[in-house]
Amino acid sequence: MKRPKQKSASAANGRATLTLVRTTTNTHRCTLQPPDFTPIHTATVLGEPKPFVIYGVEILDALEAAGQRILDEKGNWIGVLAEAGRVIHHECKSHQEVFEIVKTLRQNGGHP
């Protein structure tokens, strides 16, 4: 029996690696290694209209490259990102506070 062709994408983020595989039969498999997945971090800045991703863009890129949807029609996280602790939001921060958060995240491999 012939194995289906696979498209895969992965992203390493500190201590976690996300690997996504999309087969030609449109079945998706998502593997998070190790179990303590490094979360995506978003922030809202006072006076700015929308939140933005401040850490973990490469994981989101890997998900999209593997054909995974990451947001629903209303802008809510879906799939693996909808699980508790996968996305951490920092609300009502100044630009300087966001800078300090990103600096700390980079030093600690994505963990505050």
PDB file of N, CA and C in Angstrom:
ATOM      1  N   MET A   1       0.839  -1.189   0.000  1.00  0.00           N
ATOM      2  CA  MET A   1       0.000   0.000   0.000  1.00  0.00           C
ATOM      3  C   MET A   1       0.881   1.248   0.000  1.00  0.00           C
ATOM      4  N   LYS A   2       0.526   2.187  -0.802  1.00  0.00           N
ATOM      5  CA  LYS A   2       1.285   3.419  -0.934  1.00  0.00           C
ATOM      6  C   LYS A   2       0.956   4.386   0.196  1.00  0.00           C
ATOM      7  N   ARG A   3       1.973   5.006   0.770  1.00  0.00           N
ATOM      8  CA  ARG A   3       1.762   6.010   1.812  1.00  0.00           C
ATOM      9  C   ARG A   3       1.380   7.331   1.161  1.00  0.00           C
ATOM     10  N   PRO A   4       0.455   8.080   1.762  1.00  0.00           N
ATOM     11  CA  PRO A   4       0.078   9.376   1.181  1.00  0.00           C
ATOM     12  C   PRO A   4       1.225  10.372   1.294  1.00  0.00           C
ATOM     13  N   LYS A   5       1.287  11.277   0.328  1.00  0.00           N
ATOM     14  CA  LYS A   5       2.277  12.346   0.401  1.00  0.00           C
ATOM     15  C   LYS A   5       1.957  13.230   1.585  1.00  0.00           C
ATOM     16  N   GLN A   6       2.999  13.750   2.208  1.00  0.00           N
ATOM     17  CA  GLN A   6       2.787  14.572   3.390  1.00  0.00           C
ATOM     18  C   GLN A   6       3.438  15.933   3.207  1.00  0.00           C
ATOM     19  N   LYS A   7       2.769  16.926   3.746  1.00  0.00           N
ATOM     20  CA  LYS A   7       3.354  18.252   3.863  1.00  0.00           C
ATOM     21  C   LYS A   7       3.529  18.467   5.357  1.00  0.00           C
ATOM     22  N   SER A   8       4.659  18.959   5.751  1.00  0.00           N
ATOM     23  CA  SER A   8       4.836  19.181   7.180  1.00  0.00           C
ATOM     24  C   SER A   8       5.485  20.527   7.403  1.00  0.00           C
ATOM     25  N   ALA A   9       5.266  21.047   8.580  1.00  0.00           N
ATOM     26  CA  ALA A   9       5.884  22.298   8.994  1.00  0.00           C
ATOM     27  C   ALA A   9       6.192  22.164  10.466  1.00  0.00           C
ATOM     28  N   SER A  10       7.249  22.776  10.886  1.00  0.00           N
ATOM     29  CA  SER A  10       7.556  22.715  12.307  1.00  0.00           C
ATOM     30  C   SER A  10       8.181  24.033  12.728  1.00  0.00           C
ATOM     31  N   ALA A  11       8.105  24.277  14.020  1.00  0.00           N
ATOM     32  CA  ALA A  11       8.702  25.481  14.582  1.00  0.00           C
ATOM     33  C   ALA A  11       9.273  25.140  15.938  1.00  0.00           C
ATOM     34  N   ALA A  12      10.457  25.587  16.193  1.00  0.00           N
ATOM     35  CA  ALA A  12      11.055  25.405  17.511  1.00  0.00           C
ATOM     36  C   ALA A  12      10.964  26.730  18.237  1.00  0.00           C
ATOM     37  N   ASN A  13      10.553  26.674  19.470  1.00  0.00           N
ATOM     38  CA  ASN A  13      10.366  27.891  20.247  1.00  0.00           C
ATOM     39  C   ASN A  13      10.861  27.595  21.652  1.00  0.00           C
ATOM     40  N   GLY A  14      12.117  27.957  21.933  1.00  0.00           N
ATOM     41  CA  GLY A  14      12.634  27.685  23.257  1.00  0.00           C
ATOM     42  C   GLY A  14      12.727  26.191  23.497  1.00  0.00           C
ATOM     43  N   ARG A  15      11.948  25.696  24.428  1.00  0.00           N
ATOM     44  CA  ARG A  15      12.000  24.294  24.809  1.00  0.00           C
ATOM     45  C   ARG A  15      10.964  23.437  24.103  1.00  0.00           C
ATOM     46  N   ALA A  16      10.108  24.012  23.293  1.00  0.00           N
ATOM     47  CA  ALA A  16       9.025  23.235  22.678  1.00  0.00           C
ATOM     48  C   ALA A  16       9.179  23.191  21.175  1.00  0.00           C
ATOM     49  N   THR A  17       8.751  22.098  20.590  1.00  0.00           N
ATOM     50  CA  THR A  17       8.727  21.962  19.140  1.00  0.00           C
ATOM     51  C   THR A  17       7.327  21.561  18.736  1.00  0.00           C
ATOM     52  N   LEU A  18       6.793  22.232  17.768  1.00  0.00           N
ATOM     53  CA  LEU A  18       5.469  21.930  17.240  1.00  0.00           C
ATOM     54  C   LEU A  18       5.669  21.358  15.847  1.00  0.00           C
ATOM     55  N   THR A  19       5.149  20.169  15.619  1.00  0.00           N
ATOM     56  CA  THR A  19       5.233  19.547  14.307  1.00  0.00           C
ATOM     57  C   THR A  19       3.832  19.246  13.823  1.00  0.00           C
ATOM     58  N   LEU A  20       3.510  19.699  12.646  1.00  0.00           N
ATOM     59  CA  LEU A  20       2.200  19.464  12.048  1.00  0.00           C
ATOM     60  C   LEU A  20       2.391  18.728  10.739  1.00  0.00           C
ATOM     61  N   VAL A  21       1.559  17.748  10.503  1.00  0.00           N
ATOM     62  CA  VAL A  21       1.633  16.988   9.263  1.00  0.00           C
ATOM     63  C   VAL A  21       0.270  17.024   8.595  1.00  0.00           C
ATOM     64  N   ARG A  22       0.251  17.349   7.308  1.00  0.00           N
ATOM     65  CA  ARG A  22      -0.989  17.359   6.530  1.00  0.00           C
ATOM     66  C   ARG A  22      -0.812  16.375   5.388  1.00  0.00           C
ATOM     67  N   THR A  23      -1.655  15.385   5.341  1.00  0.00           N
ATOM     68  CA  THR A  23      -1.546  14.394   4.272  1.00  0.00           C
ATOM     69  C   THR A  23      -2.435  14.811   3.115  1.00  0.00           C
ATOM     70  N   THR A  24      -2.259  14.133   1.978  1.00  0.00           N
ATOM     71  CA  THR A  24      -3.062  14.456   0.800  1.00  0.00           C
ATOM     72  C   THR A  24      -4.523  14.088   1.004  1.00  0.00           C
ATOM     73  N   THR A  25      -4.818  13.279   2.014  1.00  0.00           N
ATOM     74  CA  THR A  25      -6.217  12.924   2.305  1.00  0.00           C
ATOM     75  C   THR A  25      -6.850  13.930   3.258  1.00  0.00           C
ATOM     76  N   ASN A  26      -6.157  15.029   3.508  1.00  0.00           N
ATOM     77  CA  ASN A  26      -6.627  16.118   4.367  1.00  0.00           C
ATOM     78  C   ASN A  26      -6.864  15.703   5.816  1.00  0.00           C
ATOM     79  N   THR A  27      -6.168  14.686   6.273  1.00  0.00           N
ATOM     80  CA  THR A  27      -6.198  14.387   7.703  1.00  0.00           C
ATOM     81  C   THR A  27      -5.028  15.118   8.322  1.00  0.00           C
ATOM     82  N   HIS A  28      -5.223  15.620   9.495  1.00  0.00           N
ATOM     83  CA  HIS A  28      -4.194  16.436  10.149  1.00  0.00           C
ATOM     84  C   HIS A  28      -3.766  15.773  11.445  1.00  0.00           C
ATOM     85  N   ARG A  29      -2.502  15.841  11.684  1.00  0.00           N
ATOM     86  CA  ARG A  29      -1.971  15.336  12.940  1.00  0.00           C
ATOM     87  C   ARG A  29      -1.097  16.436  13.528  1.00  0.00           C
ATOM     88  N   CYS A  30      -1.264  16.698  14.776  1.00  0.00           N
ATOM     89  CA  CYS A  30      -0.501  17.746  15.442  1.00  0.00           C
ATOM     90  C   CYS A  30       0.235  17.116  16.610  1.00  0.00           C
ATOM     91  N   THR A  31       1.524  17.324  16.690  1.00  0.00           N
ATOM     92  CA  THR A  31       2.308  16.772  17.775  1.00  0.00           C
ATOM     93  C   THR A  31       2.996  17.920  18.496  1.00  0.00           C
ATOM     94  N   LEU A  32       2.820  17.986  19.772  1.00  0.00           N
ATOM     95  CA  LEU A  32       3.504  18.987  20.587  1.00  0.00           C
ATOM     96  C   LEU A  32       4.542  18.262  21.434  1.00  0.00           C
ATOM     97  N   GLN A  33       5.788  18.674  21.318  1.00  0.00           N
ATOM     98  CA  GLN A  33       6.833  18.047  22.102  1.00  0.00           C
ATOM     99  C   GLN A  33       7.691  19.114  22.718  1.00  0.00           C
ATOM    100  N   PRO A  34       8.096  19.082  23.944  1.00  0.00           N
ATOM    101  CA  PRO A  34       7.604  18.178  24.972  1.00  0.00           C
ATOM    102  C   PRO A  34       6.231  18.612  25.457  1.00  0.00           C
ATOM    103  N   PRO A  35       5.635  17.892  26.426  1.00  0.00           N
ATOM    104  CA  PRO A  35       4.286  18.231  26.885  1.00  0.00           C
ATOM    105  C   PRO A  35       4.143  19.665  27.408  1.00  0.00           C
ATOM    106  N   ASP A  36       5.197  20.243  27.936  1.00  0.00           N
ATOM    107  CA  ASP A  36       5.107  21.614  28.446  1.00  0.00           C
ATOM    108  C   ASP A  36       5.298  22.615  27.302  1.00  0.00           C
ATOM    109  N   PHE A  37       4.371  22.594  26.366  1.00  0.00           N
ATOM    110  CA  PHE A  37       4.363  23.438  25.180  1.00  0.00           C
ATOM    111  C   PHE A  37       4.558  24.907  25.546  1.00  0.00           C
ATOM    112  N   THR A  38       5.469  25.561  24.850  1.00  0.00           N
ATOM    113  CA  THR A  38       5.693  26.984  25.060  1.00  0.00           C
ATOM    114  C   THR A  38       4.512  27.752  24.486  1.00  0.00           C
ATOM    115  N   PRO A  39       3.817  28.527  25.302  1.00  0.00           N
ATOM    116  CA  PRO A  39       2.608  29.201  24.818  1.00  0.00           C
ATOM    117  C   PRO A  39       2.890  30.382  23.890  1.00  0.00           C
ATOM    118  N   ILE A  40       1.846  30.728  23.141  1.00  0.00           N
ATOM    119  CA  ILE A  40       1.836  31.942  22.333  1.00  0.00           C
ATOM    120  C   ILE A  40       1.500  33.082  23.298  1.00  0.00           C
ATOM    121  N   HIS A  41       2.119  34.241  23.110  1.00  0.00           N
ATOM    122  CA  HIS A  41       1.807  35.406  23.948  1.00  0.00           C
ATOM    123  C   HIS A  41       1.276  36.526  23.064  1.00  0.00           C
ATOM    124  N   THR A  42       0.183  37.135  23.500  1.00  0.00           N
ATOM    125  CA  THR A  42      -0.385  38.291  22.821  1.00  0.00           C
ATOM    126  C   THR A  42      -0.479  39.436  23.813  1.00  0.00           C
ATOM    127  N   ALA A  43      -0.653  40.636  23.303  1.00  0.00           N
ATOM    128  CA  ALA A  43      -0.770  41.801  24.185  1.00  0.00           C
ATOM    129  C   ALA A  43      -1.659  42.856  23.558  1.00  0.00           C
ATOM    130  N   THR A  44      -2.318  43.617  24.420  1.00  0.00           N
ATOM    131  CA  THR A  44      -2.983  44.836  23.981  1.00  0.00           C
ATOM    132  C   THR A  44      -2.243  45.999  24.626  1.00  0.00           C
ATOM    133  N   VAL A  45      -2.045  47.033  23.823  1.00  0.00           N
ATOM    134  CA  VAL A  45      -1.366  48.244  24.286  1.00  0.00           C
ATOM    135  C   VAL A  45      -2.420  49.329  24.436  1.00  0.00           C
ATOM    136  N   LEU A  46      -2.330  50.065  25.526  1.00  0.00           N
ATOM    137  CA  LEU A  46      -3.266  51.156  25.762  1.00  0.00           C
ATOM    138  C   LEU A  46      -3.312  52.084  24.556  1.00  0.00           C
ATOM    139  N   GLY A  47      -4.508  52.360  24.053  1.00  0.00           N
ATOM    140  CA  GLY A  47      -4.684  53.250  22.918  1.00  0.00           C
ATOM    141  C   GLY A  47      -4.637  52.567  21.563  1.00  0.00           C
ATOM    142  N   GLU A  48      -4.220  51.295  21.514  1.00  0.00           N
ATOM    143  CA  GLU A  48      -4.182  50.547  20.255  1.00  0.00           C
ATOM    144  C   GLU A  48      -5.492  49.767  20.109  1.00  0.00           C
ATOM    145  N   PRO A  49      -6.041  49.675  18.902  1.00  0.00           N
ATOM    146  CA  PRO A  49      -7.359  49.065  18.723  1.00  0.00           C
ATOM    147  C   PRO A  49      -7.406  47.540  18.855  1.00  0.00           C
ATOM    148  N   LYS A  50      -6.314  46.834  18.512  1.00  0.00           N
ATOM    149  CA  LYS A  50      -6.354  45.378  18.485  1.00  0.00           C
ATOM    150  C   LYS A  50      -5.157  44.775  19.213  1.00  0.00           C
ATOM    151  N   PRO A  51      -5.332  43.556  19.738  1.00  0.00           N
ATOM    152  CA  PRO A  51      -4.177  42.855  20.320  1.00  0.00           C
ATOM    153  C   PRO A  51      -3.230  42.368  19.221  1.00  0.00           C
ATOM    154  N   PHE A  52      -2.001  42.085  19.582  1.00  0.00           N
ATOM    155  CA  PHE A  52      -1.052  41.567  18.609  1.00  0.00           C
ATOM    156  C   PHE A  52      -0.190  40.495  19.259  1.00  0.00           C
ATOM    157  N   VAL A  53       0.400  39.639  18.425  1.00  0.00           N
ATOM    158  CA  VAL A  53       1.247  38.552  18.908  1.00  0.00           C
ATOM    159  C   VAL A  53       2.613  39.128  19.261  1.00  0.00           C
ATOM    160  N   ILE A  54       3.080  38.847  20.484  1.00  0.00           N
ATOM    161  CA  ILE A  54       4.390  39.347  20.901  1.00  0.00           C
ATOM    162  C   ILE A  54       5.413  38.227  21.036  1.00  0.00           C
ATOM    163  N   TYR A  55       4.947  36.965  21.034  1.00  0.00           N
ATOM    164  CA  TYR A  55       5.875  35.838  21.146  1.00  0.00           C
ATOM    165  C   TYR A  55       5.208  34.578  20.601  1.00  0.00           C
ATOM    166  N   GLY A  56       5.891  33.852  19.735  1.00  0.00           N
ATOM    167  CA  GLY A  56       5.367  32.600  19.217  1.00  0.00           C
ATOM    168  C   GLY A  56       4.857  32.669  17.789  1.00  0.00           C
ATOM    169  N   VAL A  57       5.234  33.700  17.058  1.00  0.00           N
ATOM    170  CA  VAL A  57       4.778  33.854  15.676  1.00  0.00           C
ATOM    171  C   VAL A  57       5.181  32.651  14.834  1.00  0.00           C
ATOM    172  N   GLU A  58       6.376  32.085  15.090  1.00  0.00           N
ATOM    173  CA  GLU A  58       6.836  30.952  14.284  1.00  0.00           C
ATOM    174  C   GLU A  58       5.950  29.724  14.468  1.00  0.00           C
ATOM    175  N   ILE A  59       5.352  29.539  15.626  1.00  0.00           N
ATOM    176  CA  ILE A  59       4.427  28.427  15.833  1.00  0.00           C
ATOM    177  C   ILE A  59       3.150  28.665  15.029  1.00  0.00           C
ATOM    178  N   LEU A  60       2.665  29.892  15.036  1.00  0.00           N
ATOM    179  CA  LEU A  60       1.476  30.223  14.245  1.00  0.00           C
ATOM    180  C   LEU A  60       1.752  30.041  12.755  1.00  0.00           C
ATOM    181  N   ASP A  61       2.936  30.434  12.309  1.00  0.00           N
ATOM    182  CA  ASP A  61       3.312  30.252  10.912  1.00  0.00           C
ATOM    183  C   ASP A  61       3.341  28.765  10.544  1.00  0.00           C
ATOM    184  N   ALA A  62       3.862  27.925  11.442  1.00  0.00           N
ATOM    185  CA  ALA A  62       3.916  26.484  11.185  1.00  0.00           C
ATOM    186  C   ALA A  62       2.511  25.898  11.086  1.00  0.00           C
ATOM    187  N   LEU A  63       1.623  26.336  11.957  1.00  0.00           N
ATOM    188  CA  LEU A  63       0.240  25.868  11.902  1.00  0.00           C
ATOM    189  C   LEU A  63      -0.407  26.226  10.564  1.00  0.00           C
ATOM    190  N   GLU A  64      -0.244  27.474  10.146  1.00  0.00           N
ATOM    191  CA  GLU A  64      -0.820  27.909   8.878  1.00  0.00           C
ATOM    192  C   GLU A  64      -0.174  27.197   7.686  1.00  0.00           C
ATOM    193  N   ALA A  65       1.138  26.978   7.734  1.00  0.00           N
ATOM    194  CA  ALA A  65       1.833  26.296   6.641  1.00  0.00           C
ATOM    195  C   ALA A  65       1.350  24.854   6.486  1.00  0.00           C
ATOM    196  N   ALA A  66       0.900  24.267   7.588  1.00  0.00           N
ATOM    197  CA  ALA A  66       0.385  22.899   7.549  1.00  0.00           C
ATOM    198  C   ALA A  66      -1.106  22.872   7.226  1.00  0.00           C
ATOM    199  N   GLY A  67      -1.669  24.036   6.929  1.00  0.00           N
ATOM    200  CA  GLY A  67      -3.078  24.100   6.543  1.00  0.00           C
ATOM    201  C   GLY A  67      -4.051  24.149   7.702  1.00  0.00           C
ATOM    202  N   GLN A  68      -3.555  24.409   8.901  1.00  0.00           N
ATOM    203  CA  GLN A  68      -4.424  24.481  10.071  1.00  0.00           C
ATOM    204  C   GLN A  68      -4.996  25.884  10.223  1.00  0.00           C
ATOM    205  N   ARG A  69      -6.271  25.957  10.548  1.00  0.00           N
ATOM    206  CA  ARG A  69      -6.867  27.251  10.894  1.00  0.00           C
ATOM    207  C   ARG A  69      -6.529  27.532  12.342  1.00  0.00           C
ATOM    208  N   ILE A  70      -6.223  28.772  12.648  1.00  0.00           N
ATOM    209  CA  ILE A  70      -5.875  29.116  14.030  1.00  0.00           C
ATOM    210  C   ILE A  70      -6.922  30.017  14.677  1.00  0.00           C
ATOM    211  N   LEU A  71      -7.756  30.658  13.853  1.00  0.00           N
ATOM    212  CA  LEU A  71      -8.820  31.529  14.360  1.00  0.00           C
ATOM    213  C   LEU A  71     -10.139  31.163  13.696  1.00  0.00           C
ATOM    214  N   ASP A  72     -11.234  31.320  14.449  1.00  0.00           N
ATOM    215  CA  ASP A  72     -12.548  31.123  13.829  1.00  0.00           C
ATOM    216  C   ASP A  72     -13.022  32.445  13.224  1.00  0.00           C
ATOM    217  N   GLU A  73     -14.236  32.460  12.704  1.00  0.00           N
ATOM    218  CA  GLU A  73     -14.781  33.652  12.039  1.00  0.00           C
ATOM    219  C   GLU A  73     -14.885  34.854  12.977  1.00  0.00           C
ATOM    220  N   LYS A  74     -14.990  34.598  14.281  1.00  0.00           N
ATOM    221  CA  LYS A  74     -15.132  35.681  15.263  1.00  0.00           C
ATOM    222  C   LYS A  74     -13.794  36.119  15.854  1.00  0.00           C
ATOM    223  N   GLY A  75     -12.699  35.501  15.413  1.00  0.00           N
ATOM    224  CA  GLY A  75     -11.382  35.872  15.924  1.00  0.00           C
ATOM    225  C   GLY A  75     -10.964  35.126  17.176  1.00  0.00           C
ATOM    226  N   ASN A  76     -11.653  34.041  17.509  1.00  0.00           N
ATOM    227  CA  ASN A  76     -11.296  33.228  18.672  1.00  0.00           C
ATOM    228  C   ASN A  76     -10.308  32.142  18.259  1.00  0.00           C
ATOM    229  N   TRP A  77      -9.391  31.798  19.165  1.00  0.00           N
ATOM    230  CA  TRP A  77      -8.441  30.731  18.900  1.00  0.00           C
ATOM    231  C   TRP A  77      -9.200  29.414  18.768  1.00  0.00           C
ATOM    232  N   ILE A  78      -8.760  28.565  17.840  1.00  0.00           N
ATOM    233  CA  ILE A  78      -9.398  27.257  17.655  1.00  0.00           C
ATOM    234  C   ILE A  78      -8.322  26.171  17.591  1.00  0.00           C
ATOM    235  N   GLY A  79      -8.761  24.930  17.590  1.00  0.00           N
ATOM    236  CA  GLY A  79      -7.839  23.802  17.504  1.00  0.00           C
ATOM    237  C   GLY A  79      -6.960  23.705  18.732  1.00  0.00           C
ATOM    238  N   VAL A  80      -5.715  23.355  18.504  1.00  0.00           N
ATOM    239  CA  VAL A  80      -4.777  23.163  19.610  1.00  0.00           C
ATOM    240  C   VAL A  80      -4.588  24.450  20.424  1.00  0.00           C
ATOM    241  N   LEU A  81      -4.757  25.604  19.802  1.00  0.00           N
ATOM    242  CA  LEU A  81      -4.569  26.880  20.507  1.00  0.00           C
ATOM    243  C   LEU A  81      -5.740  27.235  21.416  1.00  0.00           C
ATOM    244  N   ALA A  82      -6.873  26.543  21.261  1.00  0.00           N
ATOM    245  CA  ALA A  82      -8.031  26.819  22.111  1.00  0.00           C
ATOM    246  C   ALA A  82      -7.891  26.178  23.492  1.00  0.00           C
ATOM    247  N   GLU A  83      -6.929  25.271  23.645  1.00  0.00           N
ATOM    248  CA  GLU A  83      -6.734  24.606  24.927  1.00  0.00           C
ATOM    249  C   GLU A  83      -6.191  25.597  25.951  1.00  0.00           C
ATOM    250  N   ALA A  84      -6.593  25.413  27.200  1.00  0.00           N
ATOM    251  CA  ALA A  84      -6.168  26.310  28.283  1.00  0.00           C
ATOM    252  C   ALA A  84      -4.641  26.368  28.366  1.00  0.00           C
ATOM    253  N   GLY A  85      -4.112  27.575  28.486  1.00  0.00           N
ATOM    254  CA  GLY A  85      -2.685  27.779  28.652  1.00  0.00           C
ATOM    255  C   GLY A  85      -1.881  27.846  27.371  1.00  0.00           C
ATOM    256  N   ARG A  86      -2.512  27.646  26.211  1.00  0.00           N
ATOM    257  CA  ARG A  86      -1.777  27.680  24.945  1.00  0.00           C
ATOM    258  C   ARG A  86      -1.536  29.103  24.455  1.00  0.00           C
ATOM    259  N   VAL A  87      -2.409  30.039  24.848  1.00  0.00           N
ATOM    260  CA  VAL A  87      -2.241  31.448  24.485  1.00  0.00           C
ATOM    261  C   VAL A  87      -2.380  32.267  25.763  1.00  0.00           C
ATOM    262  N   ILE A  88      -1.372  33.063  26.043  1.00  0.00           N
ATOM    263  CA  ILE A  88      -1.383  33.944  27.224  1.00  0.00           C
ATOM    264  C   ILE A  88      -1.514  35.368  26.734  1.00  0.00           C
ATOM    265  N   HIS A  89      -2.511  36.071  27.259  1.00  0.00           N
ATOM    266  CA  HIS A  89      -2.764  37.449  26.835  1.00  0.00           C
ATOM    267  C   HIS A  89      -2.351  38.419  27.934  1.00  0.00           C
ATOM    268  N   HIS A  90      -1.595  39.431  27.546  1.00  0.00           N
ATOM    269  CA  HIS A  90      -1.163  40.489  28.465  1.00  0.00           C
ATOM    270  C   HIS A  90      -1.980  41.721  28.102  1.00  0.00           C
ATOM    271  N   GLU A  91      -2.851  42.136  29.011  1.00  0.00           N
ATOM    272  CA  GLU A  91      -3.828  43.175  28.699  1.00  0.00           C
ATOM    273  C   GLU A  91      -3.421  44.548  29.238  1.00  0.00           C
ATOM    274  N   CYS A  92      -3.761  45.579  28.451  1.00  0.00           N
ATOM    275  CA  CYS A  92      -3.610  46.986  28.864  1.00  0.00           C
ATOM    276  C   CYS A  92      -2.197  47.328  29.313  1.00  0.00           C
ATOM    277  N   LYS A  93      -1.236  47.058  28.468  1.00  0.00           N
ATOM    278  CA  LYS A  93       0.158  47.350  28.768  1.00  0.00           C
ATOM    279  C   LYS A  93       0.622  48.562  27.969  1.00  0.00           C
ATOM    280  N   SER A  94       1.697  49.179  28.432  1.00  0.00           N
ATOM    281  CA  SER A  94       2.329  50.242  27.656  1.00  0.00           C
ATOM    282  C   SER A  94       3.318  49.584  26.691  1.00  0.00           C
ATOM    283  N   HIS A  95       3.797  50.352  25.724  1.00  0.00           N
ATOM    284  CA  HIS A  95       4.789  49.810  24.794  1.00  0.00           C
ATOM    285  C   HIS A  95       6.029  49.351  25.549  1.00  0.00           C
ATOM    286  N   GLN A  96       6.447  50.097  26.555  1.00  0.00           N
ATOM    287  CA  GLN A  96       7.626  49.735  27.341  1.00  0.00           C
ATOM    288  C   GLN A  96       7.396  48.436  28.113  1.00  0.00           C
ATOM    289  N   GLU A  97       6.188  48.260  28.672  1.00  0.00           N
ATOM    290  CA  GLU A  97       5.875  47.023  29.390  1.00  0.00           C
ATOM    291  C   GLU A  97       5.898  45.819  28.442  1.00  0.00           C
ATOM    292  N   VAL A  98       5.378  45.993  27.236  1.00  0.00           N
ATOM    293  CA  VAL A  98       5.406  44.910  26.251  1.00  0.00           C
ATOM    294  C   VAL A  98       6.848  44.575  25.890  1.00  0.00           C
ATOM    295  N   PHE A  99       7.669  45.579  25.711  1.00  0.00           N
ATOM    296  CA  PHE A  99       9.085  45.360  25.417  1.00  0.00           C
ATOM    297  C   PHE A  99       9.739  44.537  26.515  1.00  0.00           C
ATOM    298  N   GLU A 100       9.476  44.868  27.764  1.00  0.00           N
ATOM    299  CA  GLU A 100      10.052  44.138  28.896  1.00  0.00           C
ATOM    300  C   GLU A 100       9.538  42.701  28.959  1.00  0.00           C
ATOM    301  N   ILE A 101       8.269  42.491  28.636  1.00  0.00           N
ATOM    302  CA  ILE A 101       7.696  41.132  28.615  1.00  0.00           C
ATOM    303  C   ILE A 101       8.405  40.297  27.545  1.00  0.00           C
ATOM    304  N   VAL A 102       8.557  40.862  26.351  1.00  0.00           N
ATOM    305  CA  VAL A 102       9.214  40.137  25.257  1.00  0.00           C
ATOM    306  C   VAL A 102      10.657  39.812  25.625  1.00  0.00           C
ATOM    307  N   LYS A 103      11.339  40.764  26.205  1.00  0.00           N
ATOM    308  CA  LYS A 103      12.729  40.556  26.623  1.00  0.00           C
ATOM    309  C   LYS A 103      12.830  39.393  27.617  1.00  0.00           C
ATOM    310  N   THR A 104      11.945  39.358  28.589  1.00  0.00           N
ATOM    311  CA  THR A 104      11.922  38.276  29.578  1.00  0.00           C
ATOM    312  C   THR A 104      11.580  36.938  28.930  1.00  0.00           C
ATOM    313  N   LEU A 105      10.595  36.936  28.025  1.00  0.00           N
ATOM    314  CA  LEU A 105      10.214  35.708  27.345  1.00  0.00           C
ATOM    315  C   LEU A 105      11.375  35.139  26.539  1.00  0.00           C
ATOM    316  N   ARG A 106      12.090  35.982  25.847  1.00  0.00           N
ATOM    317  CA  ARG A 106      13.234  35.518  25.049  1.00  0.00           C
ATOM    318  C   ARG A 106      14.331  34.936  25.939  1.00  0.00           C
ATOM    319  N   GLN A 107      14.535  35.533  27.091  1.00  0.00           N
ATOM    320  CA  GLN A 107      15.564  35.036  28.006  1.00  0.00           C
ATOM    321  C   GLN A 107      15.156  33.707  28.632  1.00  0.00           C
ATOM    322  N   ASN A 108      13.854  33.486  28.807  1.00  0.00           N
ATOM    323  CA  ASN A 108      13.365  32.295  29.504  1.00  0.00           C
ATOM    324  C   ASN A 108      12.721  31.263  28.588  1.00  0.00           C
ATOM    325  N   GLY A 109      12.955  31.330  27.299  1.00  0.00           N
ATOM    326  CA  GLY A 109      12.423  30.349  26.364  1.00  0.00           C
ATOM    327  C   GLY A 109      10.904  30.340  26.283  1.00  0.00           C
ATOM    328  N   GLY A 110      10.286  31.511  26.416  1.00  0.00           N
ATOM    329  CA  GLY A 110       8.833  31.615  26.266  1.00  0.00           C
ATOM    330  C   GLY A 110       8.035  31.502  27.542  1.00  0.00           C
ATOM    331  N   HIS A 111       8.723  31.295  28.655  1.00  0.00           N
ATOM    332  CA  HIS A 111       8.022  31.205  29.929  1.00  0.00           C
ATOM    333  C   HIS A 111       8.323  32.453  30.748  1.00  0.00           C
ATOM    334  N   PRO A 112       7.266  33.121  31.253  1.00  0.00           N
ATOM    335  CA  PRO A 112       7.486  34.374  32.004  1.00  0.00           C
ATOM    336  C   PRO A 112       8.295  34.174  33.268  1.00  0.00           C
TER     337      PRO A 112
END
